[in-house]
Amino acid sequence: MIRTMKPLRSAGAAAAFLALAPAAQALPLTITVDAGPVIEANDTPFFDFTQFQIGETILVTFTVDDATPDTAADDQSGFFEDPLGSISLLGETSGTFLQMSPGSGVLVDVDDEEEFELKSLEDIPSADIPITLDDDVDLNTLGTDVFSDPDDFSTVLAELIALGTFPNASGNSAQVRVFDQNDPSGIGLLGLQFGPAPDGARIIPGDVGAVIPLPAPAALLLTGLVGLAALRRRR
């Protein structure tokens, strides 16, 4: 026997029903930023960063929960810590891909209406988290407001995407650090240094690493295999 739900007859009943319904969950948001050219690349025990080419553009992809709360004490200054967030790098020319170590998280610092800083939440590498984005990807117009509400993460991210190109005039560069148990400084080895993009940092919604094209030889081989399979089917 099929039973139908009776209509709710009062505002109080409607409110009670909505209270029992599962709350909507914020979905992770992925954004890719053109963070400028490679300045230095070194071979390290955990990763050979010389696979990146000097001068090639590094695309930095980060995934965060856009409902992450602001922990900054000051108004119009956002500090967003997402321990479940992730950061990866892609060399636009070489196709070299690198994911920051699991557990490193994401920290976004929106100092004011004109600056967006991105790095690993656990920025000092360790034995458990050996590869981190230590010094930050720094997008800074140095004078032009681009964020209407630095305290609201979802608004900041939406406005970042809407820009298309961040009018970046910052002189800062980013650094990837690697754990070294013999390093007395404790900050780890310098694996990669890149940026900034003073002529404008492209902002790309989504993960560009998910659509890396096959190198030409591999693509040709795949085409040949598909053609051979089709020929055998015809026979």
Protein backbone atom coordinates (compact mmCIF):
# COMPACT_ATOMS: atom_id res chain seq x y z
CA MET A 1 0.00 0.00 0.00
CA ILE A 2 1.41 3.39 -1.00
CA ARG A 3 1.10 6.14 1.61
CA THR A 4 1.34 9.83 0.75
CA MET A 5 2.66 12.48 3.09
CA LYS A 6 0.04 14.88 4.39
CA PRO A 7 0.74 18.57 3.78
CA LEU A 8 2.29 20.48 6.68
CA ARG A 9 -0.46 22.67 8.17
CA SER A 10 1.56 25.25 10.07
CA ALA A 11 4.76 27.27 9.88
CA GLY A 12 5.92 25.56 13.07
CA ALA A 13 5.47 22.12 11.56
CA ALA A 14 7.34 23.22 8.43
CA ALA A 15 10.22 24.52 10.53
CA ALA A 16 10.37 21.26 12.48
CA PHE A 17 10.45 19.28 9.24
CA LEU A 18 13.31 21.38 7.84
CA ALA A 19 15.24 20.97 11.08
CA LEU A 20 15.15 17.20 10.60
CA ALA A 21 16.35 17.40 6.97
CA PRO A 22 20.09 16.88 6.43
CA ALA A 23 22.04 20.14 6.15
CA ALA A 24 23.65 20.96 2.81
CA GLN A 25 27.37 20.27 2.82
CA ALA A 26 29.88 22.68 1.27
CA LEU A 27 31.65 21.07 -1.64
CA PRO A 28 35.40 21.31 -2.20
CA LEU A 29 36.34 24.02 -4.69
CA THR A 30 39.31 23.62 -7.02
CA ILE A 31 41.13 26.57 -8.60
CA THR A 32 44.33 26.74 -10.66
CA VAL A 33 46.60 29.78 -10.58
CA ASP A 34 49.36 30.70 -13.02
CA ALA A 35 52.11 31.35 -10.47
CA GLY A 36 54.91 32.45 -12.80
CA PRO A 37 58.16 30.99 -14.15
CA VAL A 38 60.61 28.54 -12.55
CA ILE A 39 63.66 30.33 -11.13
CA GLU A 40 65.51 27.43 -9.49
CA ALA A 41 65.07 23.63 -9.50
CA ASN A 42 67.12 21.07 -7.55
CA ASP A 43 67.36 17.30 -7.28
CA THR A 44 66.39 16.15 -3.76
CA PRO A 45 66.06 12.74 -2.04
CA PHE A 46 62.25 12.90 -2.26
CA PHE A 47 61.78 14.37 -5.75
CA ASP A 48 63.93 15.46 -8.68
CA PHE A 49 62.70 19.00 -9.25
CA THR A 50 64.98 19.38 -12.28
CA GLN A 51 62.16 17.67 -14.18
CA PHE A 52 60.66 21.15 -14.20
CA GLN A 53 62.25 23.43 -16.78
CA ILE A 54 63.86 26.74 -15.85
CA GLY A 55 61.62 29.51 -17.14
CA GLU A 56 58.49 27.40 -17.63
CA THR A 57 55.25 28.54 -16.03
CA ILE A 58 54.10 26.71 -12.90
CA LEU A 59 50.35 26.13 -12.59
CA VAL A 60 49.37 25.76 -8.93
CA THR A 61 46.11 23.92 -8.28
CA PHE A 62 44.52 24.05 -4.84
CA THR A 63 41.37 22.41 -3.48
CA VAL A 64 39.66 23.87 -0.42
CA ASP A 65 36.33 23.91 1.38
CA ASP A 66 34.82 27.32 0.59
CA ALA A 67 33.00 27.25 3.95
CA THR A 68 36.32 27.36 5.85
CA PRO A 69 35.91 29.98 8.62
CA ASP A 70 38.03 33.10 8.99
CA THR A 71 40.31 32.90 12.04
CA ALA A 72 41.89 36.34 11.62
CA ALA A 73 41.20 38.69 14.50
CA ASP A 74 41.11 41.82 12.32
CA ASP A 75 38.16 42.92 10.21
CA GLN A 76 38.75 42.95 6.42
CA SER A 77 41.60 40.45 6.81
CA GLY A 78 40.97 36.76 6.18
CA PHE A 79 42.97 33.79 7.48
CA PHE A 80 41.60 30.45 6.24
CA GLU A 81 43.07 27.11 7.39
CA ASP A 82 41.88 23.94 5.66
CA PRO A 83 43.72 20.85 7.00
CA LEU A 84 41.97 18.65 4.41
CA GLY A 85 42.87 20.90 1.48
CA SER A 86 45.49 20.00 -1.14
CA ILE A 87 47.99 21.73 -3.40
CA SER A 88 49.66 20.44 -6.57
CA LEU A 89 52.02 21.86 -9.19
CA LEU A 90 52.12 21.35 -12.95
CA GLY A 91 54.88 22.50 -15.28
CA GLU A 92 52.99 23.98 -18.22
CA THR A 93 55.74 23.09 -20.73
CA SER A 94 57.29 19.90 -19.31
CA GLY A 95 54.04 18.38 -17.98
CA THR A 96 55.85 17.55 -14.72
CA PHE A 97 53.31 17.02 -11.93
CA LEU A 98 53.87 17.16 -8.17
CA GLN A 99 51.43 16.86 -5.28
CA MET A 100 52.30 18.36 -1.91
CA SER A 101 52.49 15.67 0.78
CA PRO A 102 49.19 14.34 2.18
CA GLY A 103 48.33 16.10 5.43
CA SER A 104 50.06 19.34 4.48
CA GLY A 105 46.71 21.13 4.06
CA VAL A 106 46.09 24.62 2.70
CA LEU A 107 46.45 28.06 4.22
CA VAL A 108 45.01 31.09 2.43
CA ASP A 109 45.84 34.52 3.83
CA VAL A 110 43.83 37.44 2.45
CA ASP A 111 45.66 40.33 4.12
CA ASP A 112 43.29 42.96 2.73
CA GLU A 113 41.22 43.80 -0.34
CA GLU A 114 44.20 43.52 -2.69
CA GLU A 115 46.32 40.49 -1.67
CA PHE A 116 45.85 36.70 -1.83
CA GLU A 117 48.52 34.38 -0.37
CA LEU A 118 48.54 30.58 -0.69
CA LYS A 119 50.78 27.97 0.92
CA SER A 120 50.72 24.67 2.82
CA LEU A 121 49.13 24.82 6.26
CA GLU A 122 51.96 22.58 7.53
CA ASP A 123 54.60 24.60 5.72
CA ILE A 124 57.76 23.26 7.39
CA PRO A 125 58.59 19.81 5.96
CA SER A 126 58.95 16.85 8.30
CA ALA A 127 59.49 13.10 8.13
CA ASP A 128 55.71 12.62 8.02
CA ILE A 129 55.05 15.51 5.59
CA PRO A 130 58.25 15.69 3.53
CA ILE A 131 57.19 18.06 0.70
CA THR A 132 55.44 21.37 1.36
CA LEU A 133 54.80 24.73 -0.25
CA ASP A 134 56.72 26.77 2.33
CA ASP A 135 56.99 30.30 0.98
CA ASP A 136 53.69 31.39 -0.52
CA VAL A 137 52.19 32.04 -3.91
CA ASP A 138 51.57 35.76 -3.45
CA LEU A 139 49.07 37.60 -5.64
CA ASN A 140 49.17 41.30 -4.78
CA THR A 141 47.95 44.23 -6.86
CA LEU A 142 49.87 46.66 -4.62
CA GLY A 143 47.11 49.23 -4.62
CA THR A 144 44.00 47.99 -6.44
CA ASP A 145 41.12 46.48 -4.45
CA VAL A 146 39.81 43.20 -5.88
CA PHE A 147 38.10 41.58 -2.85
CA SER A 148 34.91 43.09 -1.46
CA ASP A 149 34.87 40.99 1.73
CA PRO A 150 38.21 39.40 2.77
CA ASP A 151 36.50 37.85 5.81
CA ASP A 152 34.23 35.59 3.72
CA PHE A 153 36.05 32.72 2.01
CA SER A 154 33.33 31.83 -0.49
CA THR A 155 33.14 35.46 -1.62
CA VAL A 156 36.93 35.69 -1.94
CA LEU A 157 37.11 32.54 -4.07
CA ALA A 158 34.18 33.56 -6.27
CA GLU A 159 35.75 36.97 -6.90
CA LEU A 160 39.13 35.35 -7.58
CA ILE A 161 37.59 33.14 -10.28
CA ALA A 162 35.61 36.06 -11.72
CA LEU A 163 38.82 38.05 -12.24
CA GLY A 164 40.06 35.62 -14.89
CA THR A 165 43.49 37.24 -14.61
CA PHE A 166 44.81 38.59 -11.32
CA PRO A 167 46.56 41.94 -11.92
CA ASN A 168 49.60 40.75 -10.01
CA ALA A 169 52.37 43.25 -9.29
CA SER A 170 53.97 41.38 -6.37
CA GLY A 171 57.69 40.75 -6.28
CA ASN A 172 57.46 37.65 -4.08
CA SER A 173 58.26 34.14 -5.29
CA ALA A 174 57.12 30.76 -3.93
CA GLN A 175 59.30 27.92 -2.66
CA VAL A 176 58.75 24.18 -2.31
CA ARG A 177 60.73 22.70 0.59
CA VAL A 178 61.75 19.08 1.18
CA PHE A 179 62.55 17.40 4.50
CA ASP A 180 66.20 16.78 5.29
CA GLN A 181 67.07 15.19 8.64
CA ASN A 182 70.60 16.59 8.37
CA ASP A 183 69.47 20.19 7.88
CA PRO A 184 70.35 22.17 11.03
CA SER A 185 68.05 25.06 10.05
CA GLY A 186 65.00 22.82 10.16
CA ILE A 187 63.38 24.48 7.15
CA GLY A 188 64.40 21.71 4.74
CA LEU A 189 66.01 21.71 1.31
CA LEU A 190 64.95 24.09 -1.45
CA GLY A 191 63.40 21.96 -4.18
CA LEU A 192 61.75 24.54 -6.40
CA GLN A 193 61.46 28.31 -6.56
CA PHE A 194 59.06 30.01 -8.95
CA GLY A 195 57.14 33.21 -9.64
CA PRO A 196 55.78 35.75 -9.50
CA ALA A 197 53.71 36.53 -12.59
CA PRO A 198 53.94 40.35 -12.61
CA ASP A 199 52.17 40.71 -15.95
CA GLY A 200 49.06 38.97 -14.61
CA ALA A 201 48.33 35.57 -13.07
CA ARG A 202 45.72 33.52 -14.94
CA ILE A 203 42.94 32.14 -12.74
CA ILE A 204 41.47 28.87 -14.08
CA PRO A 205 38.47 27.15 -12.42
CA GLY A 206 39.11 23.42 -11.96
CA ASP A 207 42.14 21.14 -12.04
CA VAL A 208 44.31 21.51 -15.14
CA GLY A 209 46.33 18.47 -14.02
CA ALA A 210 43.33 16.29 -14.83
CA VAL A 211 43.59 17.12 -18.54
CA ILE A 212 47.32 16.80 -19.22
CA PRO A 213 47.68 15.96 -22.95
CA LEU A 214 49.64 12.87 -23.94
CA PRO A 215 53.15 13.59 -25.26
CA ALA A 216 53.26 13.32 -29.05
CA PRO A 217 55.02 9.90 -29.25
CA ALA A 218 52.58 8.35 -26.77
CA ALA A 219 49.62 9.84 -28.60
CA LEU A 220 50.86 8.42 -31.90
CA LEU A 221 51.35 4.99 -30.32
CA LEU A 222 47.83 5.06 -28.90
CA THR A 223 46.42 6.04 -32.31
CA GLY A 224 48.31 3.17 -33.93
CA LEU A 225 47.01 0.65 -31.41
CA VAL A 226 43.42 1.81 -31.93
CA GLY A 227 43.83 1.52 -35.69
CA LEU A 228 45.33 -1.97 -35.39
CA ALA A 229 42.44 -3.09 -33.18
CA ALA A 230 39.92 -1.78 -35.72
CA LEU A 231 41.73 -3.59 -38.55
CA ARG A 232 41.60 -6.89 -36.64
CA ARG A 233 37.86 -6.47 -36.01
CA ARG A 234 37.23 -5.99 -39.74
CA ARG A 235 39.10 -9.23 -40.47
